Amino acid sequence: MEVFLEQFIACDKSRHTLKNIKTAVIAVLVFGVLMFFLISPLIALLMQIAAVIFFLVTYFSFIDYEYELFNGNIDVSKIYAGSRRKVVKKINSEDVEFVYESSNNAISKDALFNKNIKGLKIYTFEFKDRKKVQLALNEELEKIVKIVYRGKMQIR
């Protein structure tokens, strides 16, 4: 039996803020190009560099997460600034040794979610090579994970 589920964790920052930032970066870049031709190339170059740095910082701070469960395997994707998707982790059910629910106080650096986790439960997947990854699961995905990983579930 094939099982397919998706879960989306939206960025904890507003989409309106992202749109405003993109507009501001474009305005600074256009203004910088105009300054380059009209006034001072040095000031224009500094503005261009500042705009690029500002864009990169905001691009990597607006991150959505998506979990896709297909036949017991979970693919975790990061979506940067609502435009670029990158699969960051593939969880193969055969590579997982233990799965257990974690408290919100035990969130590790290996967490693949943002702060927008109200109503979600944190689960830690521990692999045979002792690496761990944490996911924030909704009720539907949690129910399927408990079924698929029933022999590997632990209470901690």
Protein backbone atom coordinates (compact mmCIF):
# COMPACT_ATOMS: atom_id res chain seq x y z
CA MET A 1 0.00 0.00 0.00
CA GLU A 2 1.43 3.34 -1.04
CA VAL A 3 1.17 6.20 1.44
CA PHE A 4 1.87 9.80 0.46
CA LEU A 5 1.57 12.76 2.82
CA GLU A 6 2.85 16.32 2.73
CA GLN A 7 3.28 18.85 5.50
CA PHE A 8 4.23 22.48 5.03
CA ILE A 9 5.69 24.68 7.78
CA ALA A 10 5.46 28.29 6.71
CA CYS A 11 8.17 30.80 7.51
CA ASP A 12 7.79 32.50 10.86
CA LYS A 13 8.18 35.88 9.13
CA SER A 14 5.53 37.68 7.11
CA ARG A 15 5.31 37.34 3.30
CA HIS A 16 4.50 41.06 3.24
CA THR A 17 7.87 41.79 4.86
CA LEU A 18 9.67 39.70 2.22
CA LYS A 19 7.93 41.58 -0.59
CA ASN A 20 8.89 44.93 0.96
CA ILE A 21 12.51 43.83 1.32
CA LYS A 22 12.69 42.70 -2.32
CA THR A 23 11.22 46.03 -3.43
CA ALA A 24 13.74 47.96 -1.32
CA VAL A 25 16.69 45.95 -2.70
CA ILE A 26 15.55 46.59 -6.29
CA ALA A 27 15.14 50.31 -5.55
CA VAL A 28 18.65 50.52 -4.04
CA LEU A 29 20.14 48.68 -7.02
CA VAL A 30 18.41 50.98 -9.52
CA PHE A 31 19.43 54.07 -7.54
CA GLY A 32 23.01 52.76 -7.39
CA VAL A 33 23.16 52.30 -11.16
CA LEU A 34 21.85 55.84 -11.68
CA MET A 35 24.44 57.21 -9.26
CA PHE A 36 27.16 55.31 -11.08
CA PHE A 37 26.39 57.12 -14.32
CA LEU A 38 25.52 60.50 -12.84
CA ILE A 39 27.56 61.19 -9.70
CA SER A 40 30.10 58.94 -8.04
CA PRO A 41 31.12 55.43 -9.03
CA LEU A 42 32.56 54.72 -5.56
CA ILE A 43 29.35 55.54 -3.71
CA ALA A 44 27.35 53.58 -6.28
CA LEU A 45 29.62 50.56 -5.89
CA LEU A 46 29.26 50.64 -2.10
CA MET A 47 25.47 50.83 -2.44
CA GLN A 48 25.48 47.88 -4.84
CA ILE A 49 27.56 45.78 -2.44
CA ALA A 50 25.28 46.71 0.48
CA ALA A 51 22.18 45.76 -1.55
CA VAL A 52 23.64 42.37 -2.49
CA ILE A 53 24.60 41.62 1.13
CA PHE A 54 21.16 42.72 2.32
CA PHE A 55 19.49 40.51 -0.29
CA LEU A 56 21.54 37.45 0.66
CA VAL A 57 20.84 37.89 4.38
CA THR A 58 17.10 38.21 3.82
CA TYR A 59 17.07 35.36 1.28
CA PHE A 60 18.48 32.93 3.82
CA SER A 61 16.31 34.14 6.70
CA PHE A 62 12.94 33.47 5.00
CA ILE A 63 12.84 29.67 5.03
CA ASP A 64 9.79 27.41 4.74
CA TYR A 65 9.99 23.66 5.35
CA GLU A 66 8.14 20.85 3.63
CA TYR A 67 8.00 17.22 4.68
CA GLU A 68 6.98 14.56 2.16
CA LEU A 69 6.33 11.03 3.39
CA PHE A 70 6.18 8.36 0.71
CA ASN A 71 6.12 4.67 1.67
CA GLY A 72 7.83 5.29 5.00
CA ASN A 73 10.61 7.49 3.65
CA ILE A 74 10.58 11.19 4.50
CA ASP A 75 12.07 13.92 2.30
CA VAL A 76 12.66 17.26 4.01
CA SER A 77 12.92 20.33 1.79
CA LYS A 78 13.89 23.89 2.60
CA ILE A 79 12.21 26.57 0.51
CA TYR A 80 14.25 29.77 0.44
CA ALA A 81 12.34 33.07 0.09
CA GLY A 82 9.37 31.23 -1.37
CA SER A 83 11.20 30.60 -4.64
CA ARG A 84 13.99 28.02 -4.41
CA ARG A 85 13.54 24.49 -3.07
CA LYS A 86 16.37 22.31 -1.82
CA VAL A 87 16.03 18.78 -0.43
CA VAL A 88 18.14 18.88 2.74
CA LYS A 89 17.47 15.45 4.23
CA LYS A 90 16.17 12.10 3.06
CA ILE A 91 15.08 9.87 5.92
CA ASN A 92 15.06 6.24 4.84
CA SER A 93 13.06 4.06 7.23
CA GLU A 94 15.74 1.35 7.15
CA ASP A 95 18.43 3.78 8.34
CA VAL A 96 16.42 4.90 11.39
CA GLU A 97 17.15 3.12 14.66
CA PHE A 98 14.88 5.03 17.08
CA VAL A 99 12.05 7.55 16.86
CA TYR A 100 10.81 9.39 19.93
CA GLU A 101 8.84 12.46 20.87
CA SER A 102 10.94 15.31 22.23
CA SER A 103 9.88 18.18 24.43
CA ASN A 104 9.99 21.73 23.09
CA ASN A 105 12.84 22.37 25.55
CA ALA A 106 15.00 19.72 23.87
CA ILE A 107 15.20 21.31 20.42
CA SER A 108 18.64 20.69 18.94
CA LYS A 109 20.70 22.32 16.22
CA ASP A 110 19.64 19.46 13.93
CA ALA A 111 16.03 20.66 13.93
CA LEU A 112 14.53 20.94 10.46
CA PHE A 113 11.78 23.45 11.24
CA ASN A 114 11.46 27.12 12.14
CA LYS A 115 9.76 28.79 15.11
CA ASN A 116 6.31 28.49 13.53
CA ILE A 117 5.47 25.16 15.23
CA LYS A 118 2.36 25.95 17.26
CA GLY A 119 0.23 22.81 17.45
CA LEU A 120 3.00 20.54 16.14
CA LYS A 121 4.86 17.82 18.03
CA ILE A 122 8.64 17.50 17.89
CA TYR A 123 9.96 14.06 16.97
CA THR A 124 13.60 13.02 16.98
CA PHE A 125 14.78 10.46 14.43
CA GLU A 126 18.00 8.78 15.52
CA PHE A 127 19.94 6.96 12.82
CA LYS A 128 22.14 3.90 13.07
CA ASP A 129 25.23 6.11 12.74
CA ARG A 130 24.04 8.01 15.89
CA LYS A 131 23.16 11.16 13.97
CA LYS A 132 19.85 12.77 14.87
CA VAL A 133 17.34 14.99 13.14
CA GLN A 134 14.24 16.62 14.58
CA LEU A 135 10.98 17.24 12.73
CA ALA A 136 7.82 19.07 13.82
CA LEU A 137 4.91 16.83 12.82
CA ASN A 138 1.21 17.62 12.52
CA GLU A 139 -1.39 15.09 13.73
CA GLU A 140 -1.84 13.40 10.36
CA LEU A 141 1.87 12.89 9.69
CA GLU A 142 2.46 11.90 13.33
CA LYS A 143 -0.18 9.16 13.04
CA ILE A 144 1.46 7.67 9.93
CA VAL A 145 4.97 7.94 11.43
CA LYS A 146 3.76 6.00 14.49
CA ILE A 147 2.44 3.28 12.18
CA VAL A 148 5.43 3.11 9.81
CA TYR A 149 8.05 3.32 12.57
CA ARG A 150 6.09 1.34 15.22
CA GLY A 151 8.96 -1.06 15.90
CA LYS A 152 11.37 1.83 16.38
CA MET A 153 9.22 4.11 18.59
CA GLN A 154 10.56 4.79 22.07
CA ILE A 155 9.34 6.78 25.05
CA ARG A 156 11.91 9.13 26.51
